[in-house]
Amino acid sequence: MRDILKDIEKWIDTGETIALATVIQTWGSSPRKVGSHMAFTLSGKITGSVSGGCVENAVIEAGYQVLKNNQPQLLHFGVADETAWEVGLACGEIGRASCRERV
Protein backbone atom coordinates (compact mmCIF):
# COMPACT_ATOMS: atom_id res chain seq x y z
CA MET A 1 0.00 0.00 0.00
CA ARG A 2 2.88 2.36 0.69
CA ASP A 3 3.82 2.40 -2.98
CA ILE A 4 0.43 3.89 -3.96
CA LEU A 5 -0.23 6.03 -0.88
CA LYS A 6 1.44 9.18 -2.25
CA ASP A 7 -0.73 9.08 -5.38
CA ILE A 8 -3.90 8.50 -3.34
CA GLU A 9 -3.08 11.38 -0.97
CA LYS A 10 -2.42 13.69 -3.93
CA TRP A 11 -5.74 12.72 -5.57
CA ILE A 12 -7.68 13.26 -2.33
CA ASP A 13 -6.01 16.67 -1.87
CA THR A 14 -7.30 17.67 -5.33
CA GLY A 15 -10.84 16.50 -4.51
CA GLU A 16 -10.89 13.25 -6.48
CA THR A 17 -12.92 10.25 -5.31
CA ILE A 18 -10.90 7.04 -5.22
CA ALA A 19 -11.83 3.41 -5.85
CA LEU A 20 -9.52 0.92 -4.17
CA ALA A 21 -9.15 -2.68 -5.34
CA THR A 22 -7.53 -5.18 -2.97
CA VAL A 23 -6.47 -8.77 -3.63
CA ILE A 24 -8.13 -10.82 -0.89
CA GLN A 25 -7.35 -14.38 -2.04
CA THR A 26 -5.00 -16.00 -4.55
CA TRP A 27 -4.00 -19.44 -5.78
CA GLY A 28 -1.88 -20.90 -8.54
CA SER A 29 0.55 -18.61 -10.31
CA SER A 30 -0.81 -15.30 -9.09
CA PRO A 31 1.62 -12.45 -9.85
CA ARG A 32 0.38 -10.35 -6.89
CA LYS A 33 0.02 -11.37 -3.27
CA VAL A 34 -2.95 -11.02 -0.95
CA GLY A 35 -3.09 -7.40 0.18
CA SER A 36 -1.92 -5.95 -3.14
CA HIS A 37 -3.79 -2.77 -4.09
CA MET A 38 -4.71 -0.73 -7.11
CA ALA A 39 -6.43 2.65 -6.88
CA PHE A 40 -8.10 4.66 -9.61
CA THR A 41 -10.28 7.69 -10.24
CA LEU A 42 -13.09 8.45 -12.68
CA SER A 43 -10.72 10.86 -14.44
CA GLY A 44 -8.57 7.86 -15.46
CA LYS A 45 -5.72 8.03 -12.97
CA ILE A 46 -4.42 4.59 -11.93
CA THR A 47 -1.76 3.48 -9.46
CA GLY A 48 -0.72 0.08 -8.15
CA SER A 49 -1.49 -3.39 -9.46
CA VAL A 50 -3.64 -6.39 -8.57
CA SER A 51 -2.64 -8.75 -11.36
CA GLY A 52 -0.19 -7.43 -13.90
CA GLY A 53 -2.31 -9.12 -16.56
CA CYS A 54 -5.63 -8.83 -18.31
CA VAL A 55 -7.50 -9.22 -15.02
CA GLU A 56 -6.63 -5.61 -14.25
CA ASN A 57 -8.89 -4.36 -17.06
CA ALA A 58 -11.84 -6.17 -15.51
CA VAL A 59 -10.96 -4.80 -12.06
CA ILE A 60 -10.68 -1.25 -13.43
CA GLU A 61 -14.08 -1.55 -15.13
CA ALA A 62 -15.60 -2.80 -11.86
CA GLY A 63 -13.93 0.07 -10.02
CA TYR A 64 -15.46 2.62 -12.37
CA GLN A 65 -18.87 1.09 -11.65
CA VAL A 66 -18.14 1.33 -7.92
CA LEU A 67 -17.29 5.02 -8.31
CA LYS A 68 -20.43 5.68 -10.36
CA ASN A 69 -22.86 3.67 -8.20
CA ASN A 70 -21.18 3.66 -4.77
CA GLN A 71 -21.78 -0.12 -4.60
CA PRO A 72 -18.78 -2.25 -3.53
CA GLN A 73 -18.07 -5.38 -5.58
CA LEU A 74 -16.42 -8.71 -4.87
CA LEU A 75 -14.79 -10.07 -8.02
CA HIS A 76 -13.89 -13.73 -8.62
CA PHE A 77 -11.39 -14.97 -11.21
CA GLY A 78 -10.10 -18.47 -11.79
CA VAL A 79 -9.45 -21.18 -14.34
CA ALA A 80 -12.60 -23.14 -13.46
CA ASP A 81 -14.69 -19.97 -13.62
CA GLU A 82 -15.93 -19.01 -17.10
CA THR A 83 -15.26 -15.40 -16.11
CA ALA A 84 -11.56 -16.21 -16.35
CA TRP A 85 -11.78 -16.83 -20.09
CA GLU A 86 -13.74 -13.60 -20.62
CA VAL A 87 -10.80 -11.60 -19.28
CA GLY A 88 -8.17 -13.79 -20.95
CA LEU A 89 -7.01 -15.68 -17.86
CA ALA A 90 -5.35 -18.94 -18.89
CA CYS A 91 -3.78 -20.05 -15.61
CA GLY A 92 -4.71 -19.58 -11.94
CA GLU A 93 -3.93 -15.94 -11.40
CA ILE A 94 -5.78 -13.69 -8.99
CA GLY A 95 -8.49 -15.38 -6.96
CA ARG A 96 -10.71 -12.66 -5.50
CA ALA A 97 -10.54 -8.89 -5.44
CA SER A 98 -12.61 -6.38 -3.55
CA CYS A 99 -13.45 -2.99 -5.08
CA ARG A 100 -14.83 -0.22 -2.91
CA GLU A 101 -15.05 3.53 -2.96
CA ARG A 102 -12.84 5.66 -0.75
CA VAL A 103 -13.29 9.39 -0.30
C-alpha atoms as a PDB file:
ATOM      1  CA  MET A   1       0.000   0.000   0.000  1.00  0.00           C
ATOM      2  CA  ARG A   2       2.880   2.357   0.690  1.00  0.00           C
ATOM      3  CA  ASP A   3       3.821   2.395  -2.983  1.00  0.00           C
ATOM      4  CA  ILE A   4       0.431   3.887  -3.961  1.00  0.00           C
ATOM      5  CA  LEU A   5      -0.230   6.027  -0.882  1.00  0.00           C
ATOM      6  CA  LYS A   6       1.441   9.180  -2.255  1.00  0.00           C
ATOM      7  CA  ASP A   7      -0.729   9.078  -5.377  1.00  0.00           C
ATOM      8  CA  ILE A   8      -3.899   8.504  -3.339  1.00  0.00           C
ATOM      9  CA  GLU A   9      -3.078  11.378  -0.973  1.00  0.00           C
ATOM     10  CA  LYS A  10      -2.425  13.694  -3.932  1.00  0.00           C
ATOM     11  CA  TRP A  11      -5.741  12.723  -5.573  1.00  0.00           C
ATOM     12  CA  ILE A  12      -7.675  13.262  -2.333  1.00  0.00           C
ATOM     13  CA  ASP A  13      -6.006  16.675  -1.875  1.00  0.00           C
ATOM     14  CA  THR A  14      -7.297  17.667  -5.327  1.00  0.00           C
ATOM     15  CA  GLY A  15     -10.845  16.498  -4.507  1.00  0.00           C
ATOM     16  CA  GLU A  16     -10.890  13.246  -6.476  1.00  0.00           C
ATOM     17  CA  THR A  17     -12.917  10.252  -5.310  1.00  0.00           C
ATOM     18  CA  ILE A  18     -10.903   7.037  -5.217  1.00  0.00           C
ATOM     19  CA  ALA A  19     -11.826   3.407  -5.855  1.00  0.00           C
ATOM     20  CA  LEU A  20      -9.521   0.924  -4.169  1.00  0.00           C
ATOM     21  CA  ALA A  21      -9.147  -2.681  -5.336  1.00  0.00           C
ATOM     22  CA  THR A  22      -7.534  -5.181  -2.974  1.00  0.00           C
ATOM     23  CA  VAL A  23      -6.470  -8.774  -3.634  1.00  0.00           C
ATOM     24  CA  ILE A  24      -8.132 -10.816  -0.890  1.00  0.00           C
ATOM     25  CA  GLN A  25      -7.351 -14.376  -2.044  1.00  0.00           C
ATOM     26  CA  THR A  26      -4.998 -16.003  -4.550  1.00  0.00           C
ATOM     27  CA  TRP A  27      -4.002 -19.442  -5.781  1.00  0.00           C
ATOM     28  CA  GLY A  28      -1.875 -20.897  -8.542  1.00  0.00           C
ATOM     29  CA  SER A  29       0.554 -18.605 -10.306  1.00  0.00           C
ATOM     30  CA  SER A  30      -0.812 -15.300  -9.094  1.00  0.00           C
ATOM     31  CA  PRO A  31       1.621 -12.451  -9.851  1.00  0.00           C
ATOM     32  CA  ARG A  32       0.378 -10.352  -6.895  1.00  0.00           C
ATOM     33  CA  LYS A  33       0.017 -11.372  -3.271  1.00  0.00           C
ATOM     34  CA  VAL A  34      -2.954 -11.022  -0.946  1.00  0.00           C
ATOM     35  CA  GLY A  35      -3.093  -7.401   0.177  1.00  0.00           C
ATOM     36  CA  SER A  36      -1.919  -5.949  -3.143  1.00  0.00           C
ATOM     37  CA  HIS A  37      -3.785  -2.771  -4.086  1.00  0.00           C
ATOM     38  CA  MET A  38      -4.713  -0.730  -7.111  1.00  0.00           C
ATOM     39  CA  ALA A  39      -6.431   2.655  -6.875  1.00  0.00           C
ATOM     40  CA  PHE A  40      -8.097   4.664  -9.607  1.00  0.00           C
ATOM     41  CA  THR A  41     -10.283   7.688 -10.242  1.00  0.00           C
ATOM     42  CA  LEU A  42     -13.085   8.449 -12.683  1.00  0.00           C
ATOM     43  CA  SER A  43     -10.719  10.855 -14.444  1.00  0.00           C
ATOM     44  CA  GLY A  44      -8.574   7.864 -15.464  1.00  0.00           C
ATOM     45  CA  LYS A  45      -5.716   8.034 -12.973  1.00  0.00           C
ATOM     46  CA  ILE A  46      -4.422   4.590 -11.927  1.00  0.00           C
ATOM     47  CA  THR A  47      -1.760   3.480  -9.465  1.00  0.00           C
ATOM     48  CA  GLY A  48      -0.717   0.081  -8.145  1.00  0.00           C
ATOM     49  CA  SER A  49      -1.486  -3.389  -9.458  1.00  0.00           C
ATOM     50  CA  VAL A  50      -3.641  -6.389  -8.574  1.00  0.00           C
ATOM     51  CA  SER A  51      -2.642  -8.746 -11.359  1.00  0.00           C
ATOM     52  CA  GLY A  52      -0.193  -7.432 -13.895  1.00  0.00           C
ATOM     53  CA  GLY A  53      -2.307  -9.123 -16.560  1.00  0.00           C
ATOM     54  CA  CYS A  54      -5.627  -8.826 -18.307  1.00  0.00           C
ATOM     55  CA  VAL A  55      -7.500  -9.225 -15.019  1.00  0.00           C
ATOM     56  CA  GLU A  56      -6.634  -5.609 -14.251  1.00  0.00           C
ATOM     57  CA  ASN A  57      -8.887  -4.359 -17.060  1.00  0.00           C
ATOM     58  CA  ALA A  58     -11.843  -6.173 -15.508  1.00  0.00           C
ATOM     59  CA  VAL A  59     -10.960  -4.796 -12.065  1.00  0.00           C
ATOM     60  CA  ILE A  60     -10.683  -1.248 -13.431  1.00  0.00           C
ATOM     61  CA  GLU A  61     -14.083  -1.550 -15.128  1.00  0.00           C
ATOM     62  CA  ALA A  62     -15.597  -2.804 -11.863  1.00  0.00           C
ATOM     63  CA  GLY A  63     -13.931   0.066 -10.021  1.00  0.00           C
ATOM     64  CA  TYR A  64     -15.460   2.618 -12.373  1.00  0.00           C
ATOM     65  CA  GLN A  65     -18.865   1.087 -11.647  1.00  0.00           C
ATOM     66  CA  VAL A  66     -18.144   1.329  -7.922  1.00  0.00           C
ATOM     67  CA  LEU A  67     -17.293   5.017  -8.315  1.00  0.00           C
ATOM     68  CA  LYS A  68     -20.433   5.681 -10.358  1.00  0.00           C
ATOM     69  CA  ASN A  69     -22.860   3.673  -8.199  1.00  0.00           C
ATOM     70  CA  ASN A  70     -21.184   3.659  -4.770  1.00  0.00           C
ATOM     71  CA  GLN A  71     -21.779  -0.123  -4.602  1.00  0.00           C
ATOM     72  CA  PRO A  72     -18.777  -2.254  -3.533  1.00  0.00           C
ATOM     73  CA  GLN A  73     -18.075  -5.377  -5.584  1.00  0.00           C
ATOM     74  CA  LEU A  74     -16.420  -8.706  -4.868  1.00  0.00           C
ATOM     75  CA  LEU A  75     -14.794 -10.067  -8.023  1.00  0.00           C
ATOM     76  CA  HIS A  76     -13.893 -13.726  -8.623  1.00  0.00           C
ATOM     77  CA  PHE A  77     -11.391 -14.973 -11.208  1.00  0.00           C
ATOM     78  CA  GLY A  78     -10.102 -18.467 -11.793  1.00  0.00           C
ATOM     79  CA  VAL A  79      -9.453 -21.176 -14.343  1.00  0.00           C
ATOM     80  CA  ALA A  80     -12.595 -23.141 -13.459  1.00  0.00           C
ATOM     81  CA  ASP A  81     -14.692 -19.973 -13.621  1.00  0.00           C
ATOM     82  CA  GLU A  82     -15.926 -19.009 -17.095  1.00  0.00           C
ATOM     83  CA  THR A  83     -15.264 -15.396 -16.108  1.00  0.00           C
ATOM     84  CA  ALA A  84     -11.562 -16.206 -16.354  1.00  0.00           C
ATOM     85  CA  TRP A  85     -11.783 -16.826 -20.085  1.00  0.00           C
ATOM     86  CA  GLU A  86     -13.740 -13.599 -20.615  1.00  0.00           C
ATOM     87  CA  VAL A  87     -10.797 -11.602 -19.280  1.00  0.00           C
ATOM     88  CA  GLY A  88      -8.174 -13.793 -20.947  1.00  0.00           C
ATOM     89  CA  LEU A  89      -7.006 -15.681 -17.864  1.00  0.00           C
ATOM     90  CA  ALA A  90      -5.351 -18.939 -18.891  1.00  0.00           C
ATOM     91  CA  CYS A  91      -3.782 -20.050 -15.606  1.00  0.00           C
ATOM     92  CA  GLY A  92      -4.707 -19.584 -11.945  1.00  0.00           C
ATOM     93  CA  GLU A  93      -3.933 -15.945 -11.395  1.00  0.00           C
ATOM     94  CA  ILE A  94      -5.784 -13.692  -8.986  1.00  0.00           C
ATOM     95  CA  GLY A  95      -8.488 -15.376  -6.965  1.00  0.00           C
ATOM     96  CA  ARG A  96     -10.706 -12.660  -5.500  1.00  0.00           C
ATOM     97  CA  ALA A  97     -10.538  -8.894  -5.439  1.00  0.00           C
ATOM     98  CA  SER A  98     -12.613  -6.382  -3.552  1.00  0.00           C
ATOM     99  CA  CYS A  99     -13.452  -2.991  -5.082  1.00  0.00           C
ATOM    100  CA  ARG A 100     -14.827  -0.225  -2.910  1.00  0.00           C
ATOM    101  CA  GLU A 101     -15.050   3.534  -2.965  1.00  0.00           C
ATOM    102  CA  ARG A 102     -12.845   5.655  -0.747  1.00  0.00           C
ATOM    103  CA  VAL A 103     -13.295   9.390  -0.301  1.00  0.00           C
END
